[in-house]
Each structure stands twice: as C-alpha cells, then as structure tokens.
C-alpha cells in the first residue's frame, strides 16, 4: 500500500535537500515540490503570514514513520507540519513502481 505525506518548508532549497536525502535512502519514491505558497497561521499568540514551499511525499505505508521521523529530525522549523494523507488506491502500474522504489 502507498501513502502520501504533506509537509511545508521555509525555502525551496530546504525542501529539495530533505527530498534528496529521503530519495537517496530509498525511503520515498517521489516528491512534488510547490513553491510560492502563502501560509497564514497562528504562532506564539499572533497571526503570521509567510511564504512557504509545499512538499507532497509519495512512499510506502511501511515507511511513513521513518520518513516522518527523518523530517522531524532534519527540519528547520520548531514544529514542522507533517500530515499523513489517506490513499484509497492508485493505478496498479504506478503503485507497483512506487513500492519497487521504496525499501522497507
């Protein structure tokens, strides 16, 4: 089975650096990085507004905890957003490719 993780970063470079490391360790098969996003959120009692980068990570369900832990350890935010998204399914060729490219 496959899983998606949604996370954000302060810069495209920091997202790419973590993506590269996760790919090299074969914990993930693919990421999509979207820059130029505006985030508004509560932090330290005030509404904040920042430019951020979104990363959607494609991995196996077996690797979700390892990927989440890696991001938490290497992220520059005090409280990084790491959201696990449910996947009902995927086309068989893509799912097979993804699982073949993630080591357990």
C-alpha atoms as a PDB file:
ATOM      1  CA  UNK A   1       0.000   0.000   0.000  1.00  0.00           C
ATOM      2  CA  UNK A   2       1.101   3.562  -0.644  1.00  0.00           C
ATOM      3  CA  UNK A   3       0.972   6.677   1.494  1.00  0.00           C
ATOM      4  CA  UNK A   4       1.220  10.434   0.990  1.00  0.00           C
ATOM      5  CA  UNK A   5       2.733  12.921   3.390  1.00  0.00           C
ATOM      6  CA  UNK A   6       2.148  16.678   3.209  1.00  0.00           C
ATOM      7  CA  UNK A   7       4.755  18.995   4.702  1.00  0.00           C
ATOM      8  CA  UNK A   8       5.936  22.597   4.338  1.00  0.00           C
ATOM      9  CA  UNK A   9       9.324  24.327   4.334  1.00  0.00           C
ATOM     10  CA  UNK A  10      10.606  27.876   4.507  1.00  0.00           C
ATOM     11  CA  UNK A  11      12.629  27.593   1.280  1.00  0.00           C
ATOM     12  CA  UNK A  12      12.707  25.506  -1.871  1.00  0.00           C
ATOM     13  CA  UNK A  13      16.321  24.583  -1.143  1.00  0.00           C
ATOM     14  CA  UNK A  14      15.496  23.147   2.290  1.00  0.00           C
ATOM     15  CA  UNK A  15      12.652  21.088   0.756  1.00  0.00           C
ATOM     16  CA  UNK A  16      14.941  19.845  -2.028  1.00  0.00           C
ATOM     17  CA  UNK A  17      17.727  18.965   0.436  1.00  0.00           C
ATOM     18  CA  UNK A  18      15.431  16.801   2.557  1.00  0.00           C
ATOM     19  CA  UNK A  19      13.814  15.269  -0.542  1.00  0.00           C
ATOM     20  CA  UNK A  20      17.249  14.361  -1.920  1.00  0.00           C
ATOM     21  CA  UNK A  21      18.259  12.629   1.320  1.00  0.00           C
ATOM     22  CA  UNK A  22      14.977  10.701   1.547  1.00  0.00           C
ATOM     23  CA  UNK A  23      15.327   9.596  -2.090  1.00  0.00           C
ATOM     24  CA  UNK A  24      18.960   8.540  -1.601  1.00  0.00           C
ATOM     25  CA  UNK A  25      17.915   6.401   1.373  1.00  0.00           C
ATOM     26  CA  UNK A  26      15.087   4.979  -0.778  1.00  0.00           C
ATOM     27  CA  UNK A  27      12.572   5.794   1.929  1.00  0.00           C
ATOM     28  CA  UNK A  28      10.434   7.520  -0.708  1.00  0.00           C
ATOM     29  CA  UNK A  29       9.853   7.053  -4.413  1.00  0.00           C
ATOM     30  CA  UNK A  30       8.858  10.584  -5.432  1.00  0.00           C
ATOM     31  CA  UNK A  31       8.127  14.100  -4.180  1.00  0.00           C
ATOM     32  CA  UNK A  32       6.309  17.065  -5.650  1.00  0.00           C
ATOM     33  CA  UNK A  33       7.563  20.480  -4.533  1.00  0.00           C
ATOM     34  CA  UNK A  34       5.372  23.553  -4.956  1.00  0.00           C
ATOM     35  CA  UNK A  35       6.900  26.933  -4.180  1.00  0.00           C
ATOM     36  CA  UNK A  36       5.426  30.437  -3.916  1.00  0.00           C
ATOM     37  CA  UNK A  37       2.686  29.468  -1.469  1.00  0.00           C
ATOM     38  CA  UNK A  38       1.432  31.904   1.164  1.00  0.00           C
ATOM     39  CA  UNK A  39       0.679  30.458   4.599  1.00  0.00           C
ATOM     40  CA  UNK A  40      -1.285  32.215   7.320  1.00  0.00           C
ATOM     41  CA  UNK A  41      -1.389  30.624  10.757  1.00  0.00           C
ATOM     42  CA  UNK A  42      -1.365  31.159  14.498  1.00  0.00           C
ATOM     43  CA  UNK A  43       2.103  31.123  16.094  1.00  0.00           C
ATOM     44  CA  UNK A  44       3.104  32.417  19.522  1.00  0.00           C
ATOM     45  CA  UNK A  45      -0.229  34.140  20.044  1.00  0.00           C
ATOM     46  CA  UNK A  46      -0.271  36.073  16.761  1.00  0.00           C
ATOM     47  CA  UNK A  47      -1.448  35.507  13.227  1.00  0.00           C
ATOM     48  CA  UNK A  48       1.596  35.048  11.000  1.00  0.00           C
ATOM     49  CA  UNK A  49       1.914  35.318   7.217  1.00  0.00           C
ATOM     50  CA  UNK A  50       4.861  33.721   5.415  1.00  0.00           C
ATOM     51  CA  UNK A  51       5.909  32.420   2.035  1.00  0.00           C
ATOM     52  CA  UNK A  52       6.384  28.659   2.179  1.00  0.00           C
ATOM     53  CA  UNK A  53       7.068  25.662  -0.013  1.00  0.00           C
ATOM     54  CA  UNK A  54       4.800  22.598  -0.007  1.00  0.00           C
ATOM     55  CA  UNK A  55       6.157  19.097  -0.455  1.00  0.00           C
ATOM     56  CA  UNK A  56       3.958  16.090  -1.148  1.00  0.00           C
ATOM     57  CA  UNK A  57       5.835  12.874  -0.486  1.00  0.00           C
ATOM     58  CA  UNK A  58       4.954   9.531  -2.075  1.00  0.00           C
ATOM     59  CA  UNK A  59       6.101   6.482  -0.146  1.00  0.00           C
ATOM     60  CA  UNK A  60       5.018   3.085   1.122  1.00  0.00           C
ATOM     61  CA  UNK A  61       2.849   2.822   4.230  1.00  0.00           C
ATOM     62  CA  UNK A  62       5.676   0.781   5.777  1.00  0.00           C
ATOM     63  CA  UNK A  63       7.999   3.813   5.562  1.00  0.00           C
ATOM     64  CA  UNK A  64       5.669   6.532   6.873  1.00  0.00           C
ATOM     65  CA  UNK A  65       7.066   6.543  10.432  1.00  0.00           C
ATOM     66  CA  UNK A  66      10.691   6.516   9.212  1.00  0.00           C
ATOM     67  CA  UNK A  67      10.025   9.389   6.796  1.00  0.00           C
ATOM     68  CA  UNK A  68       8.161  11.405   9.451  1.00  0.00           C
ATOM     69  CA  UNK A  69      10.979  10.888  11.976  1.00  0.00           C
ATOM     70  CA  UNK A  70      13.604  11.908   9.418  1.00  0.00           C
ATOM     71  CA  UNK A  71      11.738  15.110   8.612  1.00  0.00           C
ATOM     72  CA  UNK A  72      11.266  15.952  12.302  1.00  0.00           C
ATOM     73  CA  UNK A  73      14.996  15.447  12.965  1.00  0.00           C
ATOM     74  CA  UNK A  74      16.227  17.463   9.964  1.00  0.00           C
ATOM     75  CA  UNK A  75      13.591  20.178   9.582  1.00  0.00           C
ATOM     76  CA  UNK A  76      14.479  23.775  10.480  1.00  0.00           C
ATOM     77  CA  UNK A  77      11.037  24.507  11.998  1.00  0.00           C
ATOM     78  CA  UNK A  78      10.378  24.047  15.720  1.00  0.00           C
ATOM     79  CA  UNK A  79       7.033  22.461  14.880  1.00  0.00           C
ATOM     80  CA  UNK A  80       7.050  21.136  11.304  1.00  0.00           C
ATOM     81  CA  UNK A  81       3.774  20.246   9.628  1.00  0.00           C
ATOM     82  CA  UNK A  82       3.781  16.552   8.714  1.00  0.00           C
ATOM     83  CA  UNK A  83       0.324  15.340   7.733  1.00  0.00           C
ATOM     84  CA  UNK A  84      -0.405  11.791   6.634  1.00  0.00           C
ATOM     85  CA  UNK A  85      -2.982  11.630   3.866  1.00  0.00           C
ATOM     86  CA  UNK A  86      -5.128   8.569   3.290  1.00  0.00           C
ATOM     87  CA  UNK A  87      -4.878   6.934  -0.102  1.00  0.00           C
ATOM     88  CA  UNK A  88      -7.805   4.813  -1.251  1.00  0.00           C
ATOM     89  CA  UNK A  89      -5.845   3.409  -4.145  1.00  0.00           C
ATOM     90  CA  UNK A  90      -3.774   4.122  -7.219  1.00  0.00           C
ATOM     91  CA  UNK A  91      -3.453   2.707 -10.691  1.00  0.00           C
ATOM     92  CA  UNK A  92      -1.658  -0.624 -10.491  1.00  0.00           C
ATOM     93  CA  UNK A  93       1.402   0.224 -12.628  1.00  0.00           C
ATOM     94  CA  UNK A  94       2.093   3.382 -10.592  1.00  0.00           C
ATOM     95  CA  UNK A  95       1.576   1.641  -7.268  1.00  0.00           C
ATOM     96  CA  UNK A  96       3.923  -1.175  -8.325  1.00  0.00           C
ATOM     97  CA  UNK A  97       6.577   1.326  -9.446  1.00  0.00           C
ATOM     98  CA  UNK A  98       6.307   3.262  -6.183  1.00  0.00           C
ATOM     99  CA  UNK A  99       6.592   0.190  -3.970  1.00  0.00           C
ATOM    100  CA  UNK A 100       9.524  -1.162  -6.007  1.00  0.00           C
ATOM    101  CA  UNK A 101      11.404   2.101  -5.436  1.00  0.00           C
ATOM    102  CA  UNK A 102      10.979   2.259  -1.657  1.00  0.00           C
ATOM    103  CA  UNK A 103      12.966  -0.046   0.554  1.00  0.00           C
ATOM    104  CA  UNK A 104      11.211  -1.223   3.720  1.00  0.00           C
END
